[in-house]
Amino acid sequence: MTDAASVNSRTRILIVDDNRSGLIARKSVLQEMGHEVAISQTARGALDLFQAEPFDIVITDFRMPNSNGLELIRDLRAVRPEVPIILISGFTDALGLDEETTGADAVIQKSHTEVQQLVRAVSRLLRKAQKKPARSQAASVSTRKRGAGNV
């Protein structure tokens, strides 16, 4: 098994979209890549799943009933700020949605190239996340370094 395949087999993705056909299409593409995918049609349901289970990345639509993607991003960041989030919207330009204004790690415009953009963004964010040491590892390394100077 290659490194990429072993990484993908452990990668868990949560997709949130009130549009069932968009949800199923994105889920199918990501499952074909070897990812484990959970779905939710509501922000509340997604937050409940996110609090109960570990996810490596979250993909959320912007416009949803009772909540929008920005509110969900805020709530997800309050639980686990290190998890990469991708925001998808048909209105990125009109609403001025980008990484700075949304808090997402990537923002994708719904278009004929959405699937390719999504695949690239997921791969890029997962590679980036793998390069970062876990918080507990980073804390123990910095503690050892400080302690080593005092010996």
N, C-alpha and C. Protein backbone atom coordinates (compact mmCIF):
# COMPACT_ATOMS: atom_id res chain seq x y z
N MET A 1 0.84 -1.18 0.00
CA MET A 1 0.00 0.00 0.00
C MET A 1 0.89 1.24 0.00
N THR A 2 0.58 2.21 -0.86
CA THR A 2 1.38 3.43 -0.94
C THR A 2 1.06 4.34 0.23
N ASP A 3 1.96 5.31 0.44
CA ASP A 3 1.70 6.28 1.52
C ASP A 3 0.40 7.03 1.28
N ALA A 4 0.16 7.45 0.03
CA ALA A 4 -1.06 8.19 -0.28
C ALA A 4 -2.30 7.35 0.01
N ALA A 5 -2.25 6.08 -0.34
CA ALA A 5 -3.41 5.21 -0.10
C ALA A 5 -3.62 5.01 1.39
N SER A 6 -2.54 4.84 2.15
CA SER A 6 -2.72 4.63 3.59
C SER A 6 -3.23 5.90 4.26
N VAL A 7 -2.79 7.07 3.77
CA VAL A 7 -3.29 8.33 4.32
C VAL A 7 -4.78 8.46 4.01
N ASN A 8 -5.16 8.22 2.74
CA ASN A 8 -6.55 8.34 2.35
C ASN A 8 -7.45 7.39 3.11
N SER A 9 -6.99 6.19 3.41
CA SER A 9 -7.85 5.22 4.09
C SER A 9 -8.17 5.68 5.52
N ARG A 10 -7.35 6.54 6.07
CA ARG A 10 -7.59 7.04 7.42
C ARG A 10 -8.24 8.42 7.42
N THR A 11 -8.33 9.06 6.27
CA THR A 11 -8.82 10.42 6.19
C THR A 11 -10.34 10.46 6.28
N ARG A 12 -10.84 11.24 7.24
CA ARG A 12 -12.29 11.38 7.44
C ARG A 12 -12.71 12.79 7.08
N ILE A 13 -13.71 12.88 6.20
CA ILE A 13 -14.18 14.17 5.71
C ILE A 13 -15.66 14.31 6.04
N LEU A 14 -16.04 15.50 6.51
CA LEU A 14 -17.43 15.83 6.77
C LEU A 14 -17.87 16.85 5.73
N ILE A 15 -18.96 16.53 5.01
CA ILE A 15 -19.51 17.46 4.00
C ILE A 15 -20.88 17.93 4.48
N VAL A 16 -21.09 19.25 4.39
CA VAL A 16 -22.34 19.85 4.84
C VAL A 16 -22.97 20.64 3.69
N ASP A 17 -24.19 20.28 3.32
CA ASP A 17 -24.90 20.98 2.26
C ASP A 17 -26.37 20.61 2.33
N ASP A 18 -27.24 21.59 2.25
CA ASP A 18 -28.68 21.29 2.29
C ASP A 18 -29.17 20.76 0.95
N ASN A 19 -28.39 20.91 -0.11
CA ASN A 19 -28.72 20.39 -1.43
C ASN A 19 -28.24 18.94 -1.53
N ARG A 20 -29.19 18.02 -1.46
CA ARG A 20 -28.85 16.60 -1.41
C ARG A 20 -28.05 16.15 -2.64
N SER A 21 -28.38 16.63 -3.83
CA SER A 21 -27.67 16.16 -5.02
C SER A 21 -26.21 16.64 -5.00
N GLY A 22 -25.97 17.87 -4.57
CA GLY A 22 -24.59 18.36 -4.45
C GLY A 22 -23.82 17.58 -3.39
N LEU A 23 -24.49 17.29 -2.32
CA LEU A 23 -23.90 16.53 -1.22
C LEU A 23 -23.46 15.14 -1.68
N ILE A 24 -24.36 14.45 -2.37
CA ILE A 24 -24.07 13.09 -2.83
C ILE A 24 -22.98 13.09 -3.90
N ALA A 25 -23.00 14.08 -4.79
CA ALA A 25 -21.97 14.16 -5.84
C ALA A 25 -20.58 14.35 -5.23
N ARG A 26 -20.46 15.29 -4.29
CA ARG A 26 -19.15 15.53 -3.64
C ARG A 26 -18.71 14.31 -2.84
N LYS A 27 -19.66 13.68 -2.16
CA LYS A 27 -19.35 12.48 -1.38
C LYS A 27 -18.80 11.38 -2.29
N SER A 28 -19.44 11.17 -3.43
CA SER A 28 -19.01 10.12 -4.36
C SER A 28 -17.59 10.37 -4.85
N VAL A 29 -17.30 11.61 -5.24
CA VAL A 29 -15.96 11.93 -5.74
C VAL A 29 -14.90 11.66 -4.67
N LEU A 30 -15.16 12.11 -3.45
CA LEU A 30 -14.17 11.95 -2.38
C LEU A 30 -14.04 10.49 -1.94
N GLN A 31 -15.12 9.74 -1.97
CA GLN A 31 -15.03 8.31 -1.65
C GLN A 31 -14.22 7.58 -2.71
N GLU A 32 -14.38 7.95 -3.97
CA GLU A 32 -13.59 7.34 -5.04
C GLU A 32 -12.10 7.59 -4.84
N MET A 33 -11.76 8.69 -4.19
CA MET A 33 -10.36 9.00 -3.89
C MET A 33 -9.86 8.20 -2.69
N GLY A 34 -10.76 7.48 -2.00
CA GLY A 34 -10.36 6.65 -0.88
C GLY A 34 -10.63 7.24 0.48
N HIS A 35 -11.31 8.38 0.52
CA HIS A 35 -11.62 9.02 1.80
C HIS A 35 -12.89 8.43 2.41
N GLU A 36 -12.97 8.46 3.72
CA GLU A 36 -14.19 8.11 4.44
C GLU A 36 -14.99 9.40 4.59
N VAL A 37 -16.25 9.40 4.15
CA VAL A 37 -17.02 10.64 4.10
C VAL A 37 -18.32 10.51 4.89
N ALA A 38 -18.55 11.48 5.76
CA ALA A 38 -19.83 11.60 6.47
C ALA A 38 -20.52 12.85 5.92
N ILE A 39 -21.85 12.84 5.94
CA ILE A 39 -22.59 13.97 5.39
C ILE A 39 -23.65 14.47 6.37
N SER A 40 -23.99 15.75 6.20
CA SER A 40 -25.08 16.35 6.95
C SER A 40 -25.74 17.39 6.08
N GLN A 41 -27.07 17.47 6.16
CA GLN A 41 -27.80 18.47 5.39
C GLN A 41 -28.09 19.73 6.21
N THR A 42 -27.65 19.75 7.48
CA THR A 42 -27.86 20.93 8.32
C THR A 42 -26.58 21.28 9.08
N ALA A 43 -26.43 22.55 9.38
CA ALA A 43 -25.29 23.00 10.17
C ALA A 43 -25.34 22.39 11.57
N ARG A 44 -26.52 22.32 12.17
CA ARG A 44 -26.67 21.76 13.52
C ARG A 44 -26.25 20.29 13.55
N GLY A 45 -26.72 19.53 12.56
CA GLY A 45 -26.35 18.12 12.46
C GLY A 45 -24.85 17.95 12.25
N ALA A 46 -24.26 18.83 11.44
CA ALA A 46 -22.81 18.78 11.19
C ALA A 46 -22.03 19.06 12.46
N LEU A 47 -22.46 20.07 13.21
CA LEU A 47 -21.77 20.41 14.45
C LEU A 47 -21.87 19.26 15.45
N ASP A 48 -23.02 18.63 15.53
CA ASP A 48 -23.18 17.47 16.42
C ASP A 48 -22.22 16.35 16.03
N LEU A 49 -22.14 16.04 14.73
CA LEU A 49 -21.21 15.01 14.25
C LEU A 49 -19.77 15.39 14.56
N PHE A 50 -19.42 16.65 14.31
CA PHE A 50 -18.06 17.15 14.50
C PHE A 50 -17.64 17.06 15.97
N GLN A 51 -18.58 17.29 16.87
CA GLN A 51 -18.28 17.19 18.30
C GLN A 51 -18.16 15.74 18.77
N ALA A 52 -18.84 14.85 18.08
CA ALA A 52 -18.87 13.44 18.50
C ALA A 52 -17.77 12.59 17.87
N GLU A 53 -17.29 12.99 16.69
CA GLU A 53 -16.35 12.16 15.94
C GLU A 53 -15.19 13.00 15.43
N PRO A 54 -14.03 12.37 15.24
CA PRO A 54 -12.89 13.11 14.68
C PRO A 54 -12.99 13.21 13.16
N PHE A 55 -12.73 14.39 12.62
CA PHE A 55 -12.68 14.60 11.18
C PHE A 55 -11.38 15.30 10.82
N ASP A 56 -10.85 14.97 9.65
CA ASP A 56 -9.60 15.57 9.19
C ASP A 56 -9.83 16.84 8.39
N ILE A 57 -11.03 16.98 7.83
CA ILE A 57 -11.36 18.15 7.03
C ILE A 57 -12.88 18.28 6.96
N VAL A 58 -13.35 19.52 6.85
CA VAL A 58 -14.79 19.79 6.71
C VAL A 58 -14.99 20.61 5.44
N ILE A 59 -16.02 20.25 4.69
CA ILE A 59 -16.42 20.98 3.49
C ILE A 59 -17.85 21.44 3.72
N THR A 60 -18.09 22.74 3.63
CA THR A 60 -19.44 23.25 3.88
C THR A 60 -19.90 24.21 2.80
N ASP A 61 -21.18 24.14 2.52
CA ASP A 61 -21.81 25.10 1.62
C ASP A 61 -22.00 26.40 2.40
N PHE A 62 -22.17 27.51 1.68
CA PHE A 62 -22.39 28.79 2.34
C PHE A 62 -23.86 28.99 2.73
N ARG A 63 -24.75 28.84 1.77
CA ARG A 63 -26.17 29.11 2.02
C ARG A 63 -26.89 27.84 2.44
N MET A 64 -27.42 27.88 3.67
CA MET A 64 -28.21 26.77 4.21
C MET A 64 -29.31 27.37 5.07
N PRO A 65 -30.42 26.66 5.20
CA PRO A 65 -31.49 27.18 6.07
C PRO A 65 -31.06 27.17 7.55
N ASN A 66 -31.52 28.12 8.30
CA ASN A 66 -31.30 28.24 9.75
C ASN A 66 -29.88 28.57 10.15
N SER A 67 -28.93 28.54 9.24
CA SER A 67 -27.55 28.86 9.55
C SER A 67 -26.82 29.00 8.23
N ASN A 68 -25.71 29.70 8.22
CA ASN A 68 -24.93 29.72 6.99
C ASN A 68 -23.54 29.16 7.26
N GLY A 69 -22.78 29.02 6.21
CA GLY A 69 -21.45 28.44 6.32
C GLY A 69 -20.53 29.20 7.25
N LEU A 70 -20.67 30.53 7.29
CA LEU A 70 -19.80 31.33 8.17
C LEU A 70 -20.08 31.05 9.64
N GLU A 71 -21.36 30.92 9.98
CA GLU A 71 -21.72 30.58 11.36
C GLU A 71 -21.20 29.20 11.72
N LEU A 72 -21.33 28.26 10.78
CA LEU A 72 -20.83 26.91 11.03
C LEU A 72 -19.31 26.91 11.20
N ILE A 73 -18.61 27.65 10.36
CA ILE A 73 -17.15 27.73 10.49
C ILE A 73 -16.78 28.25 11.88
N ARG A 74 -17.45 29.30 12.32
CA ARG A 74 -17.18 29.86 13.66
C ARG A 74 -17.38 28.80 14.74
N ASP A 75 -18.49 28.06 14.64
CA ASP A 75 -18.79 27.03 15.64
C ASP A 75 -17.79 25.88 15.59
N LEU A 76 -17.39 25.47 14.40
CA LEU A 76 -16.40 24.39 14.25
C LEU A 76 -15.06 24.82 14.82
N ARG A 77 -14.65 26.05 14.53
CA ARG A 77 -13.36 26.57 15.02
C ARG A 77 -13.34 26.63 16.55
N ALA A 78 -14.50 26.87 17.16
CA ALA A 78 -14.57 26.91 18.63
C ALA A 78 -14.32 25.52 19.23
N VAL A 79 -14.66 24.48 18.48
CA VAL A 79 -14.48 23.10 18.97
C VAL A 79 -13.06 22.60 18.68
N ARG A 80 -12.64 22.67 17.41
CA ARG A 80 -11.31 22.19 17.01
C ARG A 80 -10.77 23.13 15.92
N PRO A 81 -10.07 24.17 16.32
CA PRO A 81 -9.62 25.19 15.36
C PRO A 81 -8.60 24.69 14.34
N GLU A 82 -7.95 23.58 14.60
CA GLU A 82 -6.90 23.09 13.71
C GLU A 82 -7.42 22.32 12.50
N VAL A 83 -8.69 21.96 12.49
CA VAL A 83 -9.25 21.18 11.39
C VAL A 83 -9.47 22.08 10.17
N PRO A 84 -8.89 21.73 9.02
CA PRO A 84 -9.08 22.54 7.81
C PRO A 84 -10.54 22.55 7.36
N ILE A 85 -10.97 23.71 6.85
CA ILE A 85 -12.35 23.87 6.39
C ILE A 85 -12.35 24.47 4.99
N ILE A 86 -13.18 23.89 4.12
CA ILE A 86 -13.38 24.41 2.77
C ILE A 86 -14.81 24.93 2.69
N LEU A 87 -14.97 26.16 2.21
CA LEU A 87 -16.29 26.75 2.01
C LEU A 87 -16.58 26.76 0.51
N ILE A 88 -17.78 26.30 0.15
CA ILE A 88 -18.21 26.29 -1.25
C ILE A 88 -19.44 27.18 -1.38
N SER A 89 -19.42 28.03 -2.41
CA SER A 89 -20.56 28.93 -2.63
C SER A 89 -20.69 29.29 -4.10
N GLY A 90 -21.90 29.52 -4.51
CA GLY A 90 -22.14 30.04 -5.84
C GLY A 90 -22.00 31.55 -5.89
N PHE A 91 -21.72 32.16 -4.75
CA PHE A 91 -21.73 33.62 -4.65
C PHE A 91 -20.42 34.18 -4.09
N THR A 92 -19.30 33.52 -4.32
CA THR A 92 -18.05 33.97 -3.70
C THR A 92 -17.70 35.39 -4.10
N ASP A 93 -17.79 35.71 -5.38
CA ASP A 93 -17.42 37.05 -5.84
C ASP A 93 -18.45 38.09 -5.38
N ALA A 94 -19.72 37.81 -5.59
CA ALA A 94 -20.78 38.77 -5.26
C ALA A 94 -20.79 39.12 -3.77
N LEU A 95 -20.49 38.14 -2.94
CA LEU A 95 -20.52 38.36 -1.49
C LEU A 95 -19.14 38.66 -0.89
N GLY A 96 -18.11 38.66 -1.72
CA GLY A 96 -16.76 38.93 -1.23
C GLY A 96 -16.24 37.84 -0.32
N LEU A 97 -16.59 36.60 -0.62
CA LEU A 97 -16.16 35.47 0.21
C LEU A 97 -14.76 35.01 -0.21
N ASP A 98 -13.84 35.05 0.73
CA ASP A 98 -12.51 34.50 0.51
C ASP A 98 -11.99 33.99 1.86
N GLU A 99 -10.77 33.51 1.87
CA GLU A 99 -10.22 32.93 3.10
C GLU A 99 -10.17 33.94 4.24
N GLU A 100 -9.84 35.18 3.94
CA GLU A 100 -9.75 36.21 4.99
C GLU A 100 -11.11 36.57 5.57
N THR A 101 -12.12 36.68 4.74
CA THR A 101 -13.43 37.14 5.21
C THR A 101 -14.28 36.03 5.81
N THR A 102 -13.92 34.78 5.57
CA THR A 102 -14.76 33.67 6.02
C THR A 102 -14.16 32.84 7.16
N GLY A 103 -12.85 32.84 7.29
CA GLY A 103 -12.21 31.97 8.27
C GLY A 103 -11.97 30.57 7.73
N ALA A 104 -12.35 30.32 6.47
CA ALA A 104 -12.12 29.03 5.84
C ALA A 104 -10.67 28.95 5.37
N ASP A 105 -10.17 27.74 5.22
CA ASP A 105 -8.82 27.54 4.71
C ASP A 105 -8.78 27.60 3.19
N ALA A 106 -9.93 27.37 2.56
CA ALA A 106 -10.07 27.47 1.11
C ALA A 106 -11.52 27.83 0.80
N VAL A 107 -11.71 28.64 -0.22
CA VAL A 107 -13.05 29.01 -0.68
C VAL A 107 -13.14 28.65 -2.16
N ILE A 108 -14.19 27.92 -2.50
CA ILE A 108 -14.37 27.44 -3.87
C ILE A 108 -15.68 27.96 -4.43
N GLN A 109 -15.61 28.49 -5.64
CA GLN A 109 -16.80 28.96 -6.37
C GLN A 109 -17.47 27.75 -7.03
N LYS A 110 -18.79 27.63 -6.86
CA LYS A 110 -19.52 26.59 -7.58
C LYS A 110 -19.46 26.92 -9.06
N SER A 111 -18.96 25.98 -9.84
CA SER A 111 -18.82 26.18 -11.28
C SER A 111 -18.55 24.84 -11.94
N HIS A 112 -18.29 24.88 -13.23
CA HIS A 112 -17.98 23.64 -13.95
C HIS A 112 -16.62 23.06 -13.54
N THR A 113 -15.78 23.84 -12.86
CA THR A 113 -14.48 23.34 -12.40
C THR A 113 -14.47 23.04 -10.90
N GLU A 114 -15.63 23.07 -10.27
CA GLU A 114 -15.71 22.88 -8.82
C GLU A 114 -15.09 21.56 -8.36
N VAL A 115 -15.37 20.48 -9.06
CA VAL A 115 -14.86 19.17 -8.63
C VAL A 115 -13.34 19.15 -8.64
N GLN A 116 -12.73 19.66 -9.71
CA GLN A 116 -11.27 19.70 -9.78
C GLN A 116 -10.69 20.59 -8.68
N GLN A 117 -11.33 21.73 -8.45
CA GLN A 117 -10.87 22.63 -7.39
C GLN A 117 -10.99 21.97 -6.02
N LEU A 118 -12.09 21.26 -5.81
CA LEU A 118 -12.32 20.59 -4.53
C LEU A 118 -11.26 19.51 -4.29
N VAL A 119 -11.00 18.70 -5.30
CA VAL A 119 -10.01 17.63 -5.17
C VAL A 119 -8.64 18.23 -4.85
N ARG A 120 -8.26 19.29 -5.56
CA ARG A 120 -6.97 19.93 -5.30
C ARG A 120 -6.91 20.54 -3.90
N ALA A 121 -7.98 21.21 -3.48
CA ALA A 121 -8.00 21.85 -2.16
C ALA A 121 -7.91 20.82 -1.04
N VAL A 122 -8.67 19.72 -1.18
CA VAL A 122 -8.63 18.66 -0.16
C VAL A 122 -7.22 18.10 -0.06
N SER A 123 -6.62 17.77 -1.20
CA SER A 123 -5.26 17.20 -1.20
C SER A 123 -4.25 18.17 -0.59
N ARG A 124 -4.34 19.44 -0.97
CA ARG A 124 -3.41 20.45 -0.45
C ARG A 124 -3.56 20.63 1.05
N LEU A 125 -4.78 20.75 1.53
CA LEU A 125 -5.00 20.98 2.96
C LEU A 125 -4.62 19.77 3.80
N LEU A 126 -4.85 18.57 3.28
CA LEU A 126 -4.46 17.37 4.02
C LEU A 126 -2.94 17.25 4.09
N ARG A 127 -2.24 17.57 3.00
CA ARG A 127 -0.77 17.55 3.03
C ARG A 127 -0.24 18.56 4.03
N LYS A 128 -0.82 19.75 4.01
CA LYS A 128 -0.42 20.82 4.93
C LYS A 128 -0.65 20.40 6.38
N ALA A 129 -1.79 19.78 6.66
CA ALA A 129 -2.11 19.35 8.02
C ALA A 129 -1.17 18.25 8.49
N GLN A 130 -0.74 17.38 7.59
CA GLN A 130 0.18 16.30 7.96
C GLN A 130 1.56 16.82 8.33
N LYS A 131 1.94 17.95 7.78
CA LYS A 131 3.26 18.53 8.06
C LYS A 131 3.31 19.19 9.43
N LYS A 132 2.14 19.60 9.94
CA LYS A 132 2.09 20.25 11.25
C LYS A 132 2.13 19.20 12.35
N PRO A 133 2.96 19.38 13.37
CA PRO A 133 2.91 18.44 14.49
C PRO A 133 1.63 18.65 15.28
N ALA A 134 1.14 17.59 15.86
CA ALA A 134 -0.06 17.70 16.71
C ALA A 134 0.26 18.66 17.85
N ARG A 135 -0.76 19.33 18.37
CA ARG A 135 -0.54 20.31 19.44
C ARG A 135 0.15 19.70 20.64
N SER A 136 -0.25 18.51 21.02
CA SER A 136 0.37 17.89 22.20
C SER A 136 1.83 17.56 21.92
N GLN A 137 2.15 17.14 20.68
CA GLN A 137 3.54 16.87 20.34
C GLN A 137 4.35 18.16 20.35
N ALA A 138 3.81 19.21 19.77
CA ALA A 138 4.52 20.49 19.71
C ALA A 138 4.76 21.03 21.11
N ALA A 139 3.78 20.90 21.99
CA ALA A 139 3.92 21.40 23.36
C ALA A 139 4.99 20.62 24.10
N SER A 140 5.02 19.30 23.93
CA SER A 140 6.02 18.50 24.65
C SER A 140 7.41 18.76 24.11
N VAL A 141 7.55 19.02 22.81
CA VAL A 141 8.86 19.33 22.23
C VAL A 141 9.35 20.66 22.77
N SER A 142 8.49 21.69 22.81
CA SER A 142 8.93 22.99 23.31
C SER A 142 9.24 22.92 24.80
N THR A 143 8.50 22.11 25.55
CA THR A 143 8.78 21.94 26.97
C THR A 143 10.13 21.27 27.17
N ARG A 144 10.42 20.23 26.36
CA ARG A 144 11.72 19.55 26.47
C ARG A 144 12.85 20.49 26.13
N LYS A 145 12.64 21.33 25.10
CA LYS A 145 13.70 22.26 24.72
C LYS A 145 13.99 23.25 25.83
N ARG A 146 12.95 23.78 26.46
CA ARG A 146 13.16 24.73 27.56
C ARG A 146 13.85 24.03 28.72
N GLY A 147 13.39 22.81 29.03
CA GLY A 147 13.97 22.06 30.14
C GLY A 147 15.42 21.68 29.89
N ALA A 148 15.75 21.38 28.65
CA ALA A 148 17.11 20.96 28.31
C ALA A 148 18.10 22.08 28.55
N GLY A 149 17.69 23.33 28.33
CA GLY A 149 18.59 24.46 28.55
C GLY A 149 18.86 24.72 30.02
N ASN A 150 17.99 24.23 30.89
CA ASN A 150 18.13 24.48 32.33
C ASN A 150 18.91 23.40 33.03
N VAL A 151 19.30 22.36 32.33
CA VAL A 151 19.97 21.23 32.97
C VAL A 151 21.42 21.53 33.17
